[in-house]
C-alpha atoms as a PDB file:
ATOM      1  CA  UNK A   1      75.524 116.256  78.402  1.00  0.00           C
ATOM      2  CA  UNK A   2      76.478 112.811  77.195  1.00  0.00           C
ATOM      3  CA  UNK A   3      77.771 110.173  79.593  1.00  0.00           C
ATOM      4  CA  UNK A   4      80.279 108.101  77.636  1.00  0.00           C
ATOM      5  CA  UNK A   5      82.155 104.865  78.358  1.00  0.00           C
ATOM      6  CA  UNK A   6      85.554 103.842  77.036  1.00  0.00           C
ATOM      7  CA  UNK A   7      85.906 100.525  75.170  1.00  0.00           C
ATOM      8  CA  UNK A   8      87.381  98.928  78.291  1.00  0.00           C
ATOM      9  CA  UNK A   9      84.548 100.225  80.446  1.00  0.00           C
ATOM     10  CA  UNK A  10      82.006  98.724  78.039  1.00  0.00           C
ATOM     11  CA  UNK A  11      83.649  95.331  78.584  1.00  0.00           C
ATOM     12  CA  UNK A  12      83.769  95.777  82.363  1.00  0.00           C
ATOM     13  CA  UNK A  13      80.117  96.882  82.470  1.00  0.00           C
ATOM     14  CA  UNK A  14      79.113  93.269  81.773  1.00  0.00           C
ATOM     15  CA  UNK A  15      80.122  92.442  85.342  1.00  0.00           C
ATOM     16  CA  UNK A  16      78.784  93.953  88.570  1.00  0.00           C
ATOM     17  CA  UNK A  17      80.853  96.475  90.464  1.00  0.00           C
ATOM     18  CA  UNK A  18      82.228  95.744  93.897  1.00  0.00           C
ATOM     19  CA  UNK A  19      79.665  98.151  95.339  1.00  0.00           C
ATOM     20  CA  UNK A  20      76.805  96.317  93.623  1.00  0.00           C
ATOM     21  CA  UNK A  21      77.918  92.988  95.118  1.00  0.00           C
ATOM     22  CA  UNK A  22      78.314  94.481  98.589  1.00  0.00           C
ATOM     23  CA  UNK A  23      74.922  96.213  98.278  1.00  0.00           C
ATOM     24  CA  UNK A  24      73.115  92.914  97.674  1.00  0.00           C
ATOM     25  CA  UNK A  25      74.972  91.308 100.575  1.00  0.00           C
ATOM     26  CA  UNK A  26      74.149  94.238 102.848  1.00  0.00           C
ATOM     27  CA  UNK A  27      70.426  94.158 101.979  1.00  0.00           C
ATOM     28  CA  UNK A  28      70.347  90.528 103.108  1.00  0.00           C
ATOM     29  CA  UNK A  29      72.276  91.080 106.347  1.00  0.00           C
ATOM     30  CA  UNK A  30      75.500  89.583 105.070  1.00  0.00           C
ATOM     31  CA  UNK A  31      77.646  92.452 106.369  1.00  0.00           C
ATOM     32  CA  UNK A  32      76.256  92.555 109.920  1.00  0.00           C
ATOM     33  CA  UNK A  33      79.258  90.819 111.487  1.00  0.00           C
ATOM     34  CA  UNK A  34      81.804  91.707 108.822  1.00  0.00           C
ATOM     35  CA  UNK A  35      83.075  95.145 109.787  1.00  0.00           C
ATOM     36  CA  UNK A  36      85.846  95.234 107.176  1.00  0.00           C
ATOM     37  CA  UNK A  37      83.426  94.604 104.315  1.00  0.00           C
ATOM     38  CA  UNK A  38      80.816  96.917 105.819  1.00  0.00           C
ATOM     39  CA  UNK A  39      83.366  99.742 105.991  1.00  0.00           C
ATOM     40  CA  UNK A  40      84.278  99.018 102.376  1.00  0.00           C
ATOM     41  CA  UNK A  41      80.592  99.139 101.431  1.00  0.00           C
ATOM     42  CA  UNK A  42      79.973 102.439 103.255  1.00  0.00           C
ATOM     43  CA  UNK A  43      83.042 104.065 101.683  1.00  0.00           C
ATOM     44  CA  UNK A  44      82.090 102.944  98.162  1.00  0.00           C
ATOM     45  CA  UNK A  45      78.457 103.949  98.707  1.00  0.00           C
ATOM     46  CA  UNK A  46      79.476 107.417  99.887  1.00  0.00           C
ATOM     47  CA  UNK A  47      81.771 107.850  96.888  1.00  0.00           C
ATOM     48  CA  UNK A  48      79.072 106.687  94.482  1.00  0.00           C
ATOM     49  CA  UNK A  49      76.513 109.087  95.957  1.00  0.00           C
ATOM     50  CA  UNK A  50      78.993 111.962  95.762  1.00  0.00           C
ATOM     51  CA  UNK A  51      79.690 111.328  92.096  1.00  0.00           C
ATOM     52  CA  UNK A  52      75.953 110.995  91.442  1.00  0.00           C
ATOM     53  CA  UNK A  53      75.379 114.468  92.910  1.00  0.00           C
ATOM     54  CA  UNK A  54      78.111 115.946  90.713  1.00  0.00           C
ATOM     55  CA  UNK A  55      76.622 114.278  87.625  1.00  0.00           C
ATOM     56  CA  UNK A  56      73.188 115.658  88.503  1.00  0.00           C
ATOM     57  CA  UNK A  57      74.625 119.177  88.620  1.00  0.00           C
ATOM     58  CA  UNK A  58      76.370 118.672  85.296  1.00  0.00           C
ATOM     59  CA  UNK A  59      73.209 117.221  83.763  1.00  0.00           C
ATOM     60  CA  UNK A  60      71.161 120.220  84.874  1.00  0.00           C
ATOM     61  CA  UNK A  61      73.561 123.059  84.118  1.00  0.00           C
ATOM     62  CA  UNK A  62      75.902 121.770  81.388  1.00  0.00           C
ATOM     63  CA  UNK A  63      75.800 122.258  77.634  1.00  0.00           C
ATOM     64  CA  UNK A  64      74.233 119.450  75.602  1.00  0.00           C
ATOM     65  CA  UNK A  65      77.408 118.763  73.639  1.00  0.00           C
ATOM     66  CA  UNK A  66      79.597 118.267  76.724  1.00  0.00           C
ATOM     67  CA  UNK A  67      80.848 114.724  77.324  1.00  0.00           C
ATOM     68  CA  UNK A  68      81.530 113.085  80.680  1.00  0.00           C
ATOM     69  CA  UNK A  69      83.622 110.008  81.468  1.00  0.00           C
ATOM     70  CA  UNK A  70      83.247 108.462  84.895  1.00  0.00           C
ATOM     71  CA  UNK A  71      85.550 106.239  86.988  1.00  0.00           C
ATOM     72  CA  UNK A  72      88.354 105.937  84.441  1.00  0.00           C
ATOM     73  CA  UNK A  73      91.298 103.929  85.791  1.00  0.00           C
ATOM     74  CA  UNK A  74      94.672 104.922  84.405  1.00  0.00           C
ATOM     75  CA  UNK A  75      98.283 103.954  84.984  1.00  0.00           C
ATOM     76  CA  UNK A  76     100.860 106.706  84.803  1.00  0.00           C
ATOM     77  CA  UNK A  77     103.738 105.586  87.038  1.00  0.00           C
ATOM     78  CA  UNK A  78     101.106 104.063  89.287  1.00  0.00           C
ATOM     79  CA  UNK A  79      97.387 103.375  89.059  1.00  0.00           C
ATOM     80  CA  UNK A  80      94.883 106.108  89.817  1.00  0.00           C
ATOM     81  CA  UNK A  81      91.213 106.783  89.202  1.00  0.00           C
ATOM     82  CA  UNK A  82      89.773 109.878  87.587  1.00  0.00           C
ATOM     83  CA  UNK A  83      86.357 110.086  89.277  1.00  0.00           C
ATOM     84  CA  UNK A  84      84.755 112.316  86.643  1.00  0.00           C
ATOM     85  CA  UNK A  85      86.292 113.780  83.480  1.00  0.00           C
ATOM     86  CA  UNK A  86      84.367 116.558  81.746  1.00  0.00           C
ATOM     87  CA  UNK A  87      85.253 117.191  78.104  1.00  0.00           C
ATOM     88  CA  UNK A  88      84.244 120.516  76.562  1.00  0.00           C
ATOM     89  CA  UNK A  89      85.303 122.110  73.295  1.00  0.00           C
ATOM     90  CA  UNK A  90      87.682 124.326  75.245  1.00  0.00           C
ATOM     91  CA  UNK A  91      89.378 121.834  77.552  1.00  0.00           C
ATOM     92  CA  UNK A  92      89.384 119.009  80.063  1.00  0.00           C
ATOM     93  CA  UNK A  93      88.079 119.161  83.625  1.00  0.00           C
ATOM     94  CA  UNK A  94      89.097 116.192  85.802  1.00  0.00           C
ATOM     95  CA  UNK A  95      87.191 116.029  89.110  1.00  0.00           C
ATOM     96  CA  UNK A  96      88.331 114.379  92.314  1.00  0.00           C
ATOM     97  CA  UNK A  97      85.119 113.944  94.335  1.00  0.00           C
ATOM     98  CA  UNK A  98      85.001 113.641  98.129  1.00  0.00           C
ATOM     99  CA  UNK A  99      81.695 113.111  99.868  1.00  0.00           C
ATOM    100  CA  UNK A 100      82.786 114.126 103.359  1.00  0.00           C
ATOM    101  CA  UNK A 101      80.672 115.583 106.129  1.00  0.00           C
ATOM    102  CA  UNK A 102      81.880 118.353 108.402  1.00  0.00           C
ATOM    103  CA  UNK A 103      85.118 120.285 107.955  1.00  0.00           C
ATOM    104  CA  UNK A 104      88.270 119.340 106.085  1.00  0.00           C
ATOM    105  CA  UNK A 105      91.427 121.139 107.186  1.00  0.00           C
ATOM    106  CA  UNK A 106      94.765 121.213 105.372  1.00  0.00           C
ATOM    107  CA  UNK A 107      97.657 122.684 107.326  1.00  0.00           C
ATOM    108  CA  UNK A 108     101.372 121.982 106.874  1.00  0.00           C
ATOM    109  CA  UNK A 109     100.467 119.207 104.441  1.00  0.00           C
ATOM    110  CA  UNK A 110      98.412 117.362 107.038  1.00  0.00           C
ATOM    111  CA  UNK A 111      94.802 116.616 106.116  1.00  0.00           C
ATOM    112  CA  UNK A 112      92.248 116.395 108.914  1.00  0.00           C
ATOM    113  CA  UNK A 113      88.543 115.694 108.521  1.00  0.00           C
ATOM    114  CA  UNK A 114      86.307 116.239 111.553  1.00  0.00           C
ATOM    115  CA  UNK A 115      89.345 116.038 113.798  1.00  0.00           C
ATOM    116  CA  UNK A 116      90.596 112.761 112.312  1.00  0.00           C
ATOM    117  CA  UNK A 117      93.975 112.796 110.611  1.00  0.00           C
ATOM    118  CA  UNK A 118      93.885 111.278 107.126  1.00  0.00           C
ATOM    119  CA  UNK A 119      96.712 109.021 106.004  1.00  0.00           C
ATOM    120  CA  UNK A 120      96.364 110.116 102.376  1.00  0.00           C
ATOM    121  CA  UNK A 121      94.534 113.379 102.058  1.00  0.00           C
ATOM    122  CA  UNK A 122      92.419 114.363  99.026  1.00  0.00           C
ATOM    123  CA  UNK A 123      94.476 117.432  98.108  1.00  0.00           C
ATOM    124  CA  UNK A 124      97.438 115.162  97.365  1.00  0.00           C
ATOM    125  CA  UNK A 125      95.145 112.905  95.323  1.00  0.00           C
ATOM    126  CA  UNK A 126      93.835 115.864  93.360  1.00  0.00           C
ATOM    127  CA  UNK A 127      97.332 117.210  92.690  1.00  0.00           C
ATOM    128  CA  UNK A 128      98.561 113.788  91.558  1.00  0.00           C
ATOM    129  CA  UNK A 129      95.572 113.419  89.235  1.00  0.00           C
ATOM    130  CA  UNK A 130      96.308 116.811  87.706  1.00  0.00           C
ATOM    131  CA  UNK A 131     100.011 116.051  87.190  1.00  0.00           C
ATOM    132  CA  UNK A 132      99.236 112.686  85.578  1.00  0.00           C
ATOM    133  CA  UNK A 133      96.509 114.046  83.303  1.00  0.00           C
ATOM    134  CA  UNK A 134      98.745 116.875  82.086  1.00  0.00           C
ATOM    135  CA  UNK A 135     101.516 114.383  81.332  1.00  0.00           C
ATOM    136  CA  UNK A 136      99.164 112.013  79.487  1.00  0.00           C
ATOM    137  CA  UNK A 137      97.846 114.778  77.242  1.00  0.00           C
ATOM    138  CA  UNK A 138     101.071 116.693  76.652  1.00  0.00           C
ATOM    139  CA  UNK A 139     101.691 114.843  73.355  1.00  0.00           C
ATOM    140  CA  UNK A 140      98.340 115.897  71.924  1.00  0.00           C
ATOM    141  CA  UNK A 141      98.599 118.800  69.532  1.00  0.00           C
ATOM    142  CA  UNK A 142      97.530 121.288  70.482  1.00  0.00           C
ATOM    143  CA  UNK A 143      97.734 120.218  74.121  1.00  0.00           C
ATOM    144  CA  UNK A 144      94.328 120.803  75.752  1.00  0.00           C
ATOM    145  CA  UNK A 145      93.729 123.180  78.614  1.00  0.00           C
ATOM    146  CA  UNK A 146      93.327 121.105  81.789  1.00  0.00           C
ATOM    147  CA  UNK A 147      91.866 122.355  85.069  1.00  0.00           C
ATOM    148  CA  UNK A 148      91.742 119.745  87.824  1.00  0.00           C
ATOM    149  CA  UNK A 149      89.141 120.255  90.527  1.00  0.00           C
ATOM    150  CA  UNK A 150      88.819 118.750  93.987  1.00  0.00           C
ATOM    151  CA  UNK A 151      85.223 119.087  95.103  1.00  0.00           C
ATOM    152  CA  UNK A 152      83.897 118.404  98.582  1.00  0.00           C
ATOM    153  CA  UNK A 153      80.374 117.474  97.527  1.00  0.00           C
ATOM    154  CA  UNK A 154      78.825 116.768 100.953  1.00  0.00           C
ATOM    155  CA  UNK A 155      75.847 119.007 101.723  1.00  0.00           C
ATOM    156  CA  UNK A 156      77.461 120.378 104.883  1.00  0.00           C
ATOM    157  CA  UNK A 157      81.104 120.172 103.782  1.00  0.00           C
ATOM    158  CA  UNK A 158      83.373 123.026 104.805  1.00  0.00           C
ATOM    159  CA  UNK A 159      87.061 123.508 104.079  1.00  0.00           C
ATOM    160  CA  UNK A 160      89.929 125.360 105.733  1.00  0.00           C
ATOM    161  CA  UNK A 161      93.002 125.338 103.492  1.00  0.00           C
ATOM    162  CA  UNK A 162      96.021 127.001 105.111  1.00  0.00           C
ATOM    163  CA  UNK A 163      98.638 125.712 102.664  1.00  0.00           C
ATOM    164  CA  UNK A 164      99.282 127.132  99.236  1.00  0.00           C
ATOM    165  CA  UNK A 165      97.926 124.651  96.693  1.00  0.00           C
ATOM    166  CA  UNK A 166      98.917 125.617  93.144  1.00  0.00           C
ATOM    167  CA  UNK A 167      97.340 124.042  90.071  1.00  0.00           C
ATOM    168  CA  UNK A 168      94.320 122.622  91.902  1.00  0.00           C
ATOM    169  CA  UNK A 169      90.846 124.144  92.011  1.00  0.00           C
ATOM    170  CA  UNK A 170      89.155 123.367  95.364  1.00  0.00           C
ATOM    171  CA  UNK A 171      85.386 123.765  95.790  1.00  0.00           C
ATOM    172  CA  UNK A 172      82.477 122.917  98.056  1.00  0.00           C
ATOM    173  CA  UNK A 173      79.037 122.061  96.722  1.00  0.00           C
ATOM    174  CA  UNK A 174      77.486 125.521  96.907  1.00  0.00           C
ATOM    175  CA  UNK A 175      80.225 126.799  94.563  1.00  0.00           C
ATOM    176  CA  UNK A 176      79.611 124.149  91.915  1.00  0.00           C
ATOM    177  CA  UNK A 177      76.831 125.881  89.975  1.00  0.00           C
ATOM    178  CA  UNK A 178      78.941 129.016  89.523  1.00  0.00           C
ATOM    179  CA  UNK A 179      81.942 126.917  88.500  1.00  0.00           C
ATOM    180  CA  UNK A 180      79.922 125.215  85.764  1.00  0.00           C
ATOM    181  CA  UNK A 181      78.819 128.657  84.586  1.00  0.00           C
ATOM    182  CA  UNK A 182      82.508 129.696  84.439  1.00  0.00           C
ATOM    183  CA  UNK A 183      83.252 126.635  82.289  1.00  0.00           C
ATOM    184  CA  UNK A 184      80.490 127.711  79.927  1.00  0.00           C
ATOM    185  CA  UNK A 185      81.951 131.187  79.674  1.00  0.00           C
ATOM    186  CA  UNK A 186      85.436 129.816  79.026  1.00  0.00           C
ATOM    187  CA  UNK A 187      84.077 127.741  76.174  1.00  0.00           C
ATOM    188  CA  UNK A 188      82.016 130.606  74.788  1.00  0.00           C
ATOM    189  CA  UNK A 189      85.073 132.840  74.388  1.00  0.00           C
ATOM    190  CA  UNK A 190      87.504 130.076  73.401  1.00  0.00           C
ATOM    191  CA  UNK A 191      89.121 130.744  70.014  1.00  0.00           C
ATOM    192  CA  UNK A 192      91.390 127.719  69.643  1.00  0.00           C
ATOM    193  CA  UNK A 193      90.801 124.399  67.911  1.00  0.00           C
ATOM    194  CA  UNK A 194      87.751 122.668  69.457  1.00  0.00           C
ATOM    195  CA  UNK A 195      88.677 119.596  71.455  1.00  0.00           C
ATOM    196  CA  UNK A 196      87.459 116.345  69.878  1.00  0.00           C
ATOM    197  CA  UNK A 197      86.322 113.659  72.329  1.00  0.00           C
ATOM    198  CA  UNK A 198      87.683 110.954  70.016  1.00  0.00           C
ATOM    199  CA  UNK A 199      91.150 112.479  70.358  1.00  0.00           C
ATOM    200  CA  UNK A 200      90.698 112.459  74.132  1.00  0.00           C
ATOM    201  CA  UNK A 201      89.767 108.761  74.115  1.00  0.00           C
ATOM    202  CA  UNK A 202      92.732 107.970  71.862  1.00  0.00           C
ATOM    203  CA  UNK A 203      95.113 109.745  74.241  1.00  0.00           C
ATOM    204  CA  UNK A 204      93.711 107.896  77.268  1.00  0.00           C
ATOM    205  CA  UNK A 205      93.682 104.440  75.659  1.00  0.00           C
ATOM    206  CA  UNK A 206      97.402 103.527  76.108  1.00  0.00           C
ATOM    207  CA  UNK A 207      97.169 104.346  79.825  1.00  0.00           C
ATOM    208  CA  UNK A 208      93.782 102.874  80.684  1.00  0.00           C
ATOM    209  CA  UNK A 209      93.765  99.836  82.958  1.00  0.00           C
ATOM    210  CA  UNK A 210      91.195  97.522  84.501  1.00  0.00           C
ATOM    211  CA  UNK A 211      89.550  98.582  87.744  1.00  0.00           C
ATOM    212  CA  UNK A 212      92.042  98.000  90.558  1.00  0.00           C
ATOM    213  CA  UNK A 213      89.266  96.966  92.970  1.00  0.00           C
ATOM    214  CA  UNK A 214      86.927  94.696  90.976  1.00  0.00           C
ATOM    215  CA  UNK A 215      83.954  92.758  92.301  1.00  0.00           C
ATOM    216  CA  UNK A 216      84.526  89.601  94.330  1.00  0.00           C
ATOM    217  CA  UNK A 217      82.254  86.687  95.125  1.00  0.00           C
ATOM    218  CA  UNK A 218      82.232  87.072  98.896  1.00  0.00           C
ATOM    219  CA  UNK A 219      79.242  84.847  99.603  1.00  0.00           C
ATOM    220  CA  UNK A 220      81.230  81.914 100.971  1.00  0.00           C
ATOM    221  CA  UNK A 221      82.841  84.180 103.581  1.00  0.00           C
ATOM    222  CA  UNK A 222      79.562  85.820 104.613  1.00  0.00           C
ATOM    223  CA  UNK A 223      76.972  83.086 104.020  1.00  0.00           C
ATOM    224  CA  UNK A 224      76.117  82.554 107.708  1.00  0.00           C
ATOM    225  CA  UNK A 225      74.344  85.927 107.888  1.00  0.00           C
ATOM    226  CA  UNK A 226      72.753  86.071 104.443  1.00  0.00           C
ATOM    227  CA  UNK A 227      68.948  85.950 104.647  1.00  0.00           C
ATOM    228  CA  UNK A 228      67.414  83.770 101.907  1.00  0.00           C
ATOM    229  CA  UNK A 229      64.064  84.246 100.208  1.00  0.00           C
ATOM    230  CA  UNK A 230      62.125  87.008  98.475  1.00  0.00           C
ATOM    231  CA  UNK A 231      62.322  90.464 100.020  1.00  0.00           C
ATOM    232  CA  UNK A 232      59.718  93.145  99.434  1.00  0.00           C
ATOM    233  CA  UNK A 233      60.738  95.363  96.534  1.00  0.00           C
ATOM    234  CA  UNK A 234      59.539  98.438  98.452  1.00  0.00           C
ATOM    235  CA  UNK A 235      60.412  98.030 102.143  1.00  0.00           C
ATOM    236  CA  UNK A 236      62.846  95.104 102.100  1.00  0.00           C
ATOM    237  CA  UNK A 237      60.912  92.833 104.490  1.00  0.00           C
ATOM    238  CA  UNK A 238      61.273  89.091 103.969  1.00  0.00           C
ATOM    239  CA  UNK A 239      57.907  88.010 105.398  1.00  0.00           C
ATOM    240  CA  UNK A 240      56.083  88.357 102.086  1.00  0.00           C
ATOM    241  CA  UNK A 241      53.111  86.307 100.907  1.00  0.00           C
ATOM    242  CA  UNK A 242      53.543  84.431  97.641  1.00  0.00           C
ATOM    243  CA  UNK A 243      50.264  84.108  95.789  1.00  0.00           C
ATOM    244  CA  UNK A 244      49.402  82.739  92.356  1.00  0.00           C
ATOM    245  CA  UNK A 245      49.713  86.129  90.654  1.00  0.00           C
ATOM    246  CA  UNK A 246      51.346  88.518  93.126  1.00  0.00           C
ATOM    247  CA  UNK A 247      53.923  88.603  95.892  1.00  0.00           C
ATOM    248  CA  UNK A 248      52.488  90.927  98.531  1.00  0.00           C
ATOM    249  CA  UNK A 249      53.867  92.564 101.665  1.00  0.00           C
ATOM    250  CA  UNK A 250      52.139  93.956 104.731  1.00  0.00           C
ATOM    251  CA  UNK A 251      53.466  97.419 103.752  1.00  0.00           C
ATOM    252  CA  UNK A 252      50.895  97.268 100.934  1.00  0.00           C
ATOM    253  CA  UNK A 253      53.289  96.561  98.066  1.00  0.00           C
ATOM    254  CA  UNK A 254      52.202  94.103  95.380  1.00  0.00           C
ATOM    255  CA  UNK A 255      54.637  92.821  92.761  1.00  0.00           C
ATOM    256  CA  UNK A 256      53.856  90.272  90.087  1.00  0.00           C
ATOM    257  CA  UNK A 257      55.005  86.787  91.053  1.00  0.00           C
ATOM    258  CA  UNK A 258      57.145  86.400  87.933  1.00  0.00           C
ATOM    259  CA  UNK A 259      58.864  89.741  88.480  1.00  0.00           C
ATOM    260  CA  UNK A 260      59.550  89.013  92.152  1.00  0.00           C
ATOM    261  CA  UNK A 261      61.074  85.629  91.288  1.00  0.00           C
ATOM    262  CA  UNK A 262      63.219  87.044  88.481  1.00  0.00           C
ATOM    263  CA  UNK A 263      64.339  89.939  90.687  1.00  0.00           C
ATOM    264  CA  UNK A 264      65.355  87.547  93.454  1.00  0.00           C
ATOM    265  CA  UNK A 265      67.241  85.337  91.011  1.00  0.00           C
ATOM    266  CA  UNK A 266      69.097  88.440  89.788  1.00  0.00           C
ATOM    267  CA  UNK A 267      69.964  89.367  93.381  1.00  0.00           C
ATOM    268  CA  UNK A 268      71.371  85.884  93.868  1.00  0.00           C
ATOM    269  CA  UNK A 269      73.142  86.199  90.516  1.00  0.00           C
ATOM    270  CA  UNK A 270      74.970  89.395  91.511  1.00  0.00           C
ATOM    271  CA  UNK A 271      76.314  87.738  94.649  1.00  0.00           C
ATOM    272  CA  UNK A 272      77.394  84.706  92.570  1.00  0.00           C
ATOM    273  CA  UNK A 273      78.272  86.602  89.384  1.00  0.00           C
ATOM    274  CA  UNK A 274      81.200  84.291  88.602  1.00  0.00           C
ATOM    275  CA  UNK A 275      79.137  81.163  87.918  1.00  0.00           C
ATOM    276  CA  UNK A 276      76.026  79.933  86.114  1.00  0.00           C
ATOM    277  CA  UNK A 277      72.595  79.598  87.692  1.00  0.00           C
ATOM    278  CA  UNK A 278      71.462  76.190  88.937  1.00  0.00           C
ATOM    279  CA  UNK A 279      68.006  75.107  90.026  1.00  0.00           C
ATOM    280  CA  UNK A 280      69.298  73.301  93.118  1.00  0.00           C
ATOM    281  CA  UNK A 281      71.114  76.339  94.494  1.00  0.00           C
ATOM    282  CA  UNK A 282      68.167  78.611  93.749  1.00  0.00           C
ATOM    283  CA  UNK A 283      65.732  76.295  95.554  1.00  0.00           C
ATOM    284  CA  UNK A 284      67.972  76.616  98.613  1.00  0.00           C
ATOM    285  CA  UNK A 285      68.260  80.389  98.174  1.00  0.00           C
ATOM    286  CA  UNK A 286      64.477  80.803  98.050  1.00  0.00           C
ATOM    287  CA  UNK A 287      64.327  78.973 101.349  1.00  0.00           C
ATOM    288  CA  UNK A 288      62.020  76.308  99.931  1.00  0.00           C
ATOM    289  CA  UNK A 289      59.301  78.970  99.516  1.00  0.00           C
ATOM    290  CA  UNK A 290      59.188  78.326  95.769  1.00  0.00           C
ATOM    291  CA  UNK A 291      59.023  74.875  94.226  1.00  0.00           C
ATOM    292  CA  UNK A 292      61.720  73.423  92.008  1.00  0.00           C
ATOM    293  CA  UNK A 293      59.292  73.225  89.091  1.00  0.00           C
ATOM    294  CA  UNK A 294      58.388  76.920  89.408  1.00  0.00           C
ATOM    295  CA  UNK A 295      62.044  77.926  89.463  1.00  0.00           C
ATOM    296  CA  UNK A 296      62.721  75.804  86.391  1.00  0.00           C
ATOM    297  CA  UNK A 297      59.782  77.481  84.634  1.00  0.00           C
ATOM    298  CA  UNK A 298      61.089  80.966  85.446  1.00  0.00           C
ATOM    299  CA  UNK A 299      64.610  80.072  84.291  1.00  0.00           C
ATOM    300  CA  UNK A 300      63.295  78.695  80.981  1.00  0.00           C
ATOM    301  CA  UNK A 301      61.030  81.706  80.402  1.00  0.00           C
ATOM    302  CA  UNK A 302      63.357  84.604  81.302  1.00  0.00           C
ATOM    303  CA  UNK A 303      66.993  83.472  81.255  1.00  0.00           C
ATOM    304  CA  UNK A 304      69.259  82.460  78.395  1.00  0.00           C
ATOM    305  CA  UNK A 305      70.747  79.020  77.896  1.00  0.00           C
ATOM    306  CA  UNK A 306      74.292  78.289  76.820  1.00  0.00           C
ATOM    307  CA  UNK A 307      75.373  75.018  75.183  1.00  0.00           C
ATOM    308  CA  UNK A 308      73.557  72.046  73.707  1.00  0.00           C
ATOM    309  CA  UNK A 309      70.386  70.539  75.150  1.00  0.00           C
ATOM    310  CA  UNK A 310      72.024  67.858  77.319  1.00  0.00           C
ATOM    311  CA  UNK A 311      74.836  70.029  78.615  1.00  0.00           C
ATOM    312  CA  UNK A 312      73.161  73.439  78.500  1.00  0.00           C
ATOM    313  CA  UNK A 313      73.694  75.891  81.344  1.00  0.00           C
ATOM    314  CA  UNK A 314      71.475  78.740  82.481  1.00  0.00           C
ATOM    315  CA  UNK A 315      73.409  81.947  81.938  1.00  0.00           C
ATOM    316  CA  UNK A 316      73.742  84.186  84.967  1.00  0.00           C
ATOM    317  CA  UNK A 317      73.412  87.829  83.854  1.00  0.00           C
ATOM    318  CA  UNK A 318      75.346  88.743  86.992  1.00  0.00           C
ATOM    319  CA  UNK A 319      73.988  92.288  86.971  1.00  0.00           C
ATOM    320  CA  UNK A 320      71.605  94.148  89.291  1.00  0.00           C
ATOM    321  CA  UNK A 321      67.956  93.751  88.392  1.00  0.00           C
ATOM    322  CA  UNK A 322      67.397  97.447  87.674  1.00  0.00           C
ATOM    323  CA  UNK A 323      70.290  97.508  85.204  1.00  0.00           C
ATOM    324  CA  UNK A 324      68.659  94.807  83.057  1.00  0.00           C
ATOM    325  CA  UNK A 325      64.993  95.333  83.944  1.00  0.00           C
ATOM    326  CA  UNK A 326      63.911  96.316  80.427  1.00  0.00           C
ATOM    327  CA  UNK A 327      65.225  93.074  78.912  1.00  0.00           C
ATOM    328  CA  UNK A 328      62.554  91.023  80.708  1.00  0.00           C
ATOM    329  CA  UNK A 329      59.514  92.897  79.335  1.00  0.00           C
ATOM    330  CA  UNK A 330      57.181  92.295  82.277  1.00  0.00           C
ATOM    331  CA  UNK A 331      53.516  92.938  81.535  1.00  0.00           C
ATOM    332  CA  UNK A 332      51.976  93.161  85.013  1.00  0.00           C
ATOM    333  CA  UNK A 333      52.672  96.434  86.848  1.00  0.00           C
ATOM    334  CA  UNK A 334      53.514  96.759  90.530  1.00  0.00           C
ATOM    335  CA  UNK A 335      51.139  98.629  92.806  1.00  0.00           C
ATOM    336  CA  UNK A 336      50.971  99.707  96.422  1.00  0.00           C
ATOM    337  CA  UNK A 337      47.920  99.933  98.642  1.00  0.00           C
ATOM    338  CA  UNK A 338      48.631 103.224 100.406  1.00  0.00           C
ATOM    339  CA  UNK A 339      46.727 102.432 103.580  1.00  0.00           C
ATOM    340  CA  UNK A 340      47.844  98.822 103.743  1.00  0.00           C
ATOM    341  CA  UNK A 341      48.344  97.290 107.219  1.00  0.00           C
ATOM    342  CA  UNK A 342      51.813  97.621 108.784  1.00  0.00           C
END
């Protein structure tokens, strides 16, 4: 299976997602007294984890030549997101993914999850996605076979559908493996013209739009609760010891000093993705635990400059540390003392 990005997604991947910004804020306590943003974070996190589970299933059980697009935003008489789009030689499989717990009930067009009535239920979302995708691809010749699936991916998800729901395949997680096998069989016995992923991308391109809920710099609104300083890469504690070579934590984790400083600068950079890095702001963010000269050294060694010498700026990558880890080429490995003091 190949995970592919559209041209627009490649451009957008140079910025953090809203979830990535909220994650950094949450890890530093920024969402403690901000219920609206915390709810947003939990919803996005649940959706991300649900899609990750689906991708893991596809990775394990799919054919190597299958292609997957993720989180494609489209506008067909209104913006909507296709969570996961599987492209096989025999057709298209859009997935609407819901990571609910408990039981979802649909009766008389009312969606209820764990006894709570939903304002916009996922069956409607799945049906709308299917209608829009069929309309987008109807001009392609020959028009591809499209089967839209709503999957309740939660480990304990159950469904009770009392309404007739035509043109939408509805699954829970324990049915997913068999469904992927069915897709394989459909492709194996398909005798039409194989679907070309480049034709799929070309058909999507006129309708693709930017993410309707992009990242925001929320730090100014939440700064009162944001904990500064270096947090342990393993357990997240902030009471670490900064030595000449390592940053160590009482959980036993040891991380090279350079890597810990770069990681922390990247965490700051995600929260402030819309501006360059400055030594003064970073000194404040480290809580005066690292000297100005050390921060300048790290910025010169690991981060790019933009502009001429006198007016140069330190470029903020603006992306989570793990996304760009390999670009730094650290030489000193992390290690953990298993029986370290707690």
